[in-house]
């Protein structure tokens, strides 16, 4: 300290303490094209490893072959697509009718209801929408275990706002599903069986599982 002022370190490092001066010299001598951490890039390491690119290429070919073997060939699904189209037409043309508890209980004992018969009368209307959803739609279905998910939307005229209380929505939904199941049983030449299955084991939230009839050659 001279005259109460700190000594200024020159821009060229003159007057700096030895270890700082050495660091400045090291940085100034580094190549301007050098990127810090570049040698740690895993992709570069893979490329520089003997046979790395070859192994990666072989793995990609094996994965592609495996997917081709497991995936459904959508160029050969004309019969399935035709059936789905006819199924939608059939559901869209279901007649309007009055529904009560007897529809579910009489035709399908698996239908679980919470309310009494006289409280469950409502008018059945055809579904608002019938659409394919899930893996078949996005072309990721497996041919070894083919499942096709079909979504049916209950039309607004069937439900009321107050049905959210006291399980009325659940009961009407299940009875609506029972009418749909009864209608699907008429397609015996294409559908071998229709059954109620509880969603994740919950019998109060069933869905329909259809098994297609197999054609013997």
Protein backbone atom coordinates (compact mmCIF):
# COMPACT_ATOMS: atom_id res chain seq x y z
CA UNK A 1 0.00 0.00 0.00
CA UNK A 2 1.43 3.30 -1.03
CA UNK A 3 -0.14 6.55 0.08
CA UNK A 4 -3.22 4.69 1.36
CA UNK A 5 -4.09 3.44 -2.17
CA UNK A 6 -4.13 -0.12 -3.47
CA UNK A 7 -1.62 -1.01 -6.15
CA UNK A 8 -3.40 -1.43 -9.51
CA UNK A 9 -2.76 -4.68 -11.37
CA UNK A 10 -1.87 -3.96 -14.97
CA UNK A 11 -4.02 -5.45 -17.73
CA UNK A 12 -1.09 -7.55 -18.94
CA UNK A 13 -0.80 -9.22 -15.53
CA UNK A 14 2.36 -7.38 -14.50
CA UNK A 15 2.44 -6.96 -10.77
CA UNK A 16 -0.08 -9.76 -10.14
CA UNK A 17 0.61 -12.37 -7.54
CA UNK A 18 2.41 -15.43 -8.98
CA UNK A 19 -0.49 -17.94 -9.04
CA UNK A 20 -2.90 -15.44 -10.61
CA UNK A 21 -0.30 -14.44 -13.18
CA UNK A 22 0.21 -18.09 -14.13
CA UNK A 23 -3.54 -18.50 -14.61
CA UNK A 24 -3.72 -15.45 -16.88
CA UNK A 25 -0.89 -16.80 -19.01
CA UNK A 26 -2.64 -20.19 -19.30
CA UNK A 27 -5.92 -18.63 -20.43
CA UNK A 28 -4.21 -16.29 -22.90
CA UNK A 29 -2.31 -19.17 -24.48
CA UNK A 30 -5.47 -21.28 -24.97
CA UNK A 31 -6.72 -21.70 -28.54
CA UNK A 32 -9.76 -19.48 -29.30
CA UNK A 33 -11.42 -22.46 -31.03
CA UNK A 34 -11.29 -24.64 -27.91
CA UNK A 35 -14.75 -25.36 -26.38
CA UNK A 36 -14.72 -26.17 -22.69
CA UNK A 37 -16.20 -29.56 -21.88
CA UNK A 38 -16.26 -30.68 -25.52
CA UNK A 39 -14.22 -33.78 -24.77
CA UNK A 40 -16.97 -34.88 -22.33
CA UNK A 41 -19.77 -34.94 -24.96
CA UNK A 42 -21.11 -38.54 -24.83
CA UNK A 43 -22.00 -38.49 -28.53
CA UNK A 44 -18.42 -37.60 -29.45
CA UNK A 45 -17.10 -40.27 -27.14
CA UNK A 46 -19.34 -42.84 -28.83
CA UNK A 47 -18.17 -41.75 -32.29
CA UNK A 48 -14.51 -41.96 -31.30
CA UNK A 49 -14.86 -45.39 -29.68
CA UNK A 50 -13.77 -48.23 -31.93
CA UNK A 51 -16.88 -49.91 -33.36
CA UNK A 52 -19.26 -47.57 -31.49
CA UNK A 53 -21.08 -46.42 -34.61
CA UNK A 54 -21.33 -49.96 -35.91
CA UNK A 55 -22.83 -51.25 -32.67
CA UNK A 56 -25.33 -48.39 -32.62
CA UNK A 57 -26.39 -49.18 -36.18
CA UNK A 58 -26.86 -52.88 -35.41
CA UNK A 59 -28.94 -52.06 -32.33
CA UNK A 60 -31.16 -49.76 -34.42
CA UNK A 61 -31.73 -52.49 -37.00
CA UNK A 62 -32.56 -55.05 -34.29
CA UNK A 63 -35.01 -52.65 -32.65
CA UNK A 64 -36.69 -51.91 -35.98
CA UNK A 65 -37.03 -55.63 -36.74
CA UNK A 66 -38.51 -56.27 -33.29
CA UNK A 67 -41.11 -53.53 -33.74
CA UNK A 68 -42.08 -54.87 -37.16
CA UNK A 69 -42.61 -58.35 -35.71
CA UNK A 70 -44.69 -57.12 -32.76
CA UNK A 71 -46.70 -54.32 -34.37
CA UNK A 72 -49.99 -54.75 -36.17
CA UNK A 73 -49.81 -54.47 -39.94
CA UNK A 74 -52.37 -51.76 -40.67
CA UNK A 75 -52.32 -52.60 -44.36
CA UNK A 76 -54.21 -55.79 -43.48
CA UNK A 77 -56.92 -54.37 -41.20
CA UNK A 78 -59.61 -53.79 -43.83
CA UNK A 79 -62.01 -56.27 -42.21
CA UNK A 80 -61.51 -54.71 -38.77
CA UNK A 81 -62.08 -51.21 -40.11
CA UNK A 82 -65.18 -52.37 -41.96
CA UNK A 83 -66.56 -53.93 -38.78
CA UNK A 84 -65.89 -50.76 -36.75
CA UNK A 85 -67.71 -48.70 -39.35
CA UNK A 86 -70.75 -51.00 -39.32
CA UNK A 87 -70.71 -51.02 -35.52
CA UNK A 88 -70.83 -47.23 -35.42
CA UNK A 89 -73.72 -47.17 -37.89
CA UNK A 90 -75.58 -49.74 -35.78
CA UNK A 91 -75.13 -47.73 -32.56
CA UNK A 92 -76.04 -44.43 -34.22
CA UNK A 93 -79.32 -45.94 -35.41
CA UNK A 94 -80.51 -47.25 -32.03
CA UNK A 95 -84.12 -46.19 -31.43
CA UNK A 96 -85.26 -43.79 -28.77
CA UNK A 97 -86.94 -45.63 -25.87
CA UNK A 98 -87.95 -45.35 -22.24
CA UNK A 99 -85.59 -47.07 -19.79
CA UNK A 100 -86.01 -48.25 -16.21
CA UNK A 101 -84.25 -50.60 -13.83
CA UNK A 102 -85.67 -53.72 -15.48
CA UNK A 103 -83.49 -53.27 -18.55
CA UNK A 104 -80.27 -53.69 -16.61
CA UNK A 105 -81.40 -56.28 -14.09
CA UNK A 106 -83.35 -58.48 -16.51
CA UNK A 107 -80.74 -58.66 -19.26
CA UNK A 108 -77.48 -58.31 -17.34
CA UNK A 109 -77.23 -59.37 -13.72
CA UNK A 110 -73.75 -57.82 -13.53
CA UNK A 111 -75.24 -54.32 -13.67
CA UNK A 112 -75.09 -52.77 -10.20
CA UNK A 113 -77.61 -50.08 -9.23
CA UNK A 114 -77.95 -47.88 -6.17
CA UNK A 115 -81.47 -46.46 -6.57
CA UNK A 116 -85.00 -47.84 -6.78
CA UNK A 117 -86.75 -48.66 -10.05
CA UNK A 118 -89.31 -45.84 -9.94
CA UNK A 119 -86.52 -43.25 -9.60
CA UNK A 120 -84.51 -44.36 -12.64
CA UNK A 121 -86.89 -43.79 -15.53
CA UNK A 122 -85.25 -41.86 -18.35
CA UNK A 123 -85.30 -41.60 -22.13
CA UNK A 124 -82.66 -43.45 -24.09
CA UNK A 125 -81.21 -41.60 -27.08
CA UNK A 126 -78.54 -42.86 -29.49
CA UNK A 127 -74.95 -42.02 -28.48
CA UNK A 128 -73.77 -38.50 -29.15
CA UNK A 129 -70.45 -39.81 -30.47
CA UNK A 130 -68.96 -43.23 -31.18
CA UNK A 131 -65.22 -43.13 -31.76
CA UNK A 132 -62.17 -45.38 -31.78
CA UNK A 133 -59.58 -44.34 -29.19
CA UNK A 134 -56.33 -45.74 -27.79
CA UNK A 135 -53.50 -47.67 -29.40
CA UNK A 136 -55.41 -48.82 -32.50
CA UNK A 137 -56.22 -45.22 -33.38
CA UNK A 138 -52.60 -44.04 -33.09
CA UNK A 139 -51.32 -47.17 -34.87
CA UNK A 140 -49.33 -48.59 -31.98
CA UNK A 141 -51.36 -51.76 -31.34
CA UNK A 142 -49.68 -55.14 -30.86
CA UNK A 143 -50.84 -57.95 -33.12
CA UNK A 144 -50.20 -60.61 -30.45
CA UNK A 145 -52.75 -59.07 -28.07
CA UNK A 146 -55.04 -56.84 -30.09
CA UNK A 147 -57.48 -54.68 -28.13
CA UNK A 148 -59.53 -51.94 -29.75
CA UNK A 149 -61.01 -49.29 -27.49
CA UNK A 150 -64.29 -47.70 -28.46
CA UNK A 151 -65.62 -44.59 -26.74
CA UNK A 152 -69.37 -43.91 -26.50
CA UNK A 153 -70.62 -40.54 -25.27
CA UNK A 154 -73.99 -40.45 -23.52
CA UNK A 155 -76.17 -37.73 -25.12
CA UNK A 156 -77.21 -34.69 -23.04
CA UNK A 157 -80.93 -35.57 -23.19
CA UNK A 158 -80.33 -38.68 -21.09
CA UNK A 159 -78.82 -36.88 -18.10
CA UNK A 160 -79.84 -34.03 -15.81
CA UNK A 161 -77.65 -31.69 -13.81
CA UNK A 162 -78.90 -33.07 -10.49
CA UNK A 163 -77.92 -36.62 -11.50
CA UNK A 164 -74.50 -35.98 -10.00
CA UNK A 165 -76.10 -36.57 -6.59
CA UNK A 166 -77.03 -39.89 -4.97
CA UNK A 167 -75.43 -42.07 -7.67
CA UNK A 168 -78.06 -41.24 -10.30
CA UNK A 169 -75.38 -40.56 -12.89
CA UNK A 170 -73.73 -43.94 -12.21
CA UNK A 171 -77.06 -45.79 -12.39
CA UNK A 172 -78.14 -44.10 -15.62
CA UNK A 173 -74.74 -44.69 -17.15
CA UNK A 174 -74.91 -48.39 -16.29
CA UNK A 175 -78.46 -48.76 -17.61
CA UNK A 176 -77.49 -46.91 -20.77
CA UNK A 177 -74.62 -49.36 -21.18
CA UNK A 178 -77.04 -52.26 -20.67
CA UNK A 179 -79.20 -51.04 -23.57
CA UNK A 180 -76.11 -50.77 -25.76
CA UNK A 181 -75.03 -54.28 -24.74
CA UNK A 182 -78.47 -55.66 -25.56
CA UNK A 183 -78.31 -54.06 -29.01
CA UNK A 184 -74.84 -55.48 -29.65
CA UNK A 185 -76.04 -59.01 -28.88
CA UNK A 186 -78.15 -58.84 -32.02
CA UNK A 187 -74.90 -58.80 -34.04
CA UNK A 188 -74.31 -62.47 -33.27
CA UNK A 189 -72.71 -63.16 -36.65
CA UNK A 190 -69.92 -60.67 -35.88
CA UNK A 191 -69.80 -60.61 -32.06
CA UNK A 192 -69.56 -63.89 -30.16
CA UNK A 193 -70.07 -62.46 -26.65
CA UNK A 194 -70.76 -59.25 -24.73
CA UNK A 195 -69.85 -58.97 -21.05
CA UNK A 196 -69.76 -56.35 -18.33
CA UNK A 197 -66.33 -55.84 -16.74
CA UNK A 198 -65.63 -53.56 -13.78
CA UNK A 199 -63.15 -50.81 -14.56
CA UNK A 200 -60.10 -51.68 -12.43
CA UNK A 201 -62.30 -54.13 -10.55
CA UNK A 202 -64.97 -51.57 -9.67
CA UNK A 203 -68.37 -53.11 -10.52
CA UNK A 204 -70.06 -49.70 -10.21
CA UNK A 205 -68.01 -48.46 -13.18
CA UNK A 206 -68.38 -51.16 -15.82
CA UNK A 207 -67.34 -51.19 -19.44
CA UNK A 208 -68.35 -53.60 -22.19
CA UNK A 209 -65.94 -56.21 -23.47
CA UNK A 210 -66.79 -57.60 -26.88
CA UNK A 211 -65.32 -60.75 -28.35
CA UNK A 212 -65.45 -60.93 -32.12
CA UNK A 213 -66.69 -64.08 -33.78
CA UNK A 214 -63.93 -66.00 -35.56
CA UNK A 215 -64.51 -67.10 -39.11
CA UNK A 216 -63.63 -70.75 -39.72
CA UNK A 217 -61.96 -71.43 -43.03
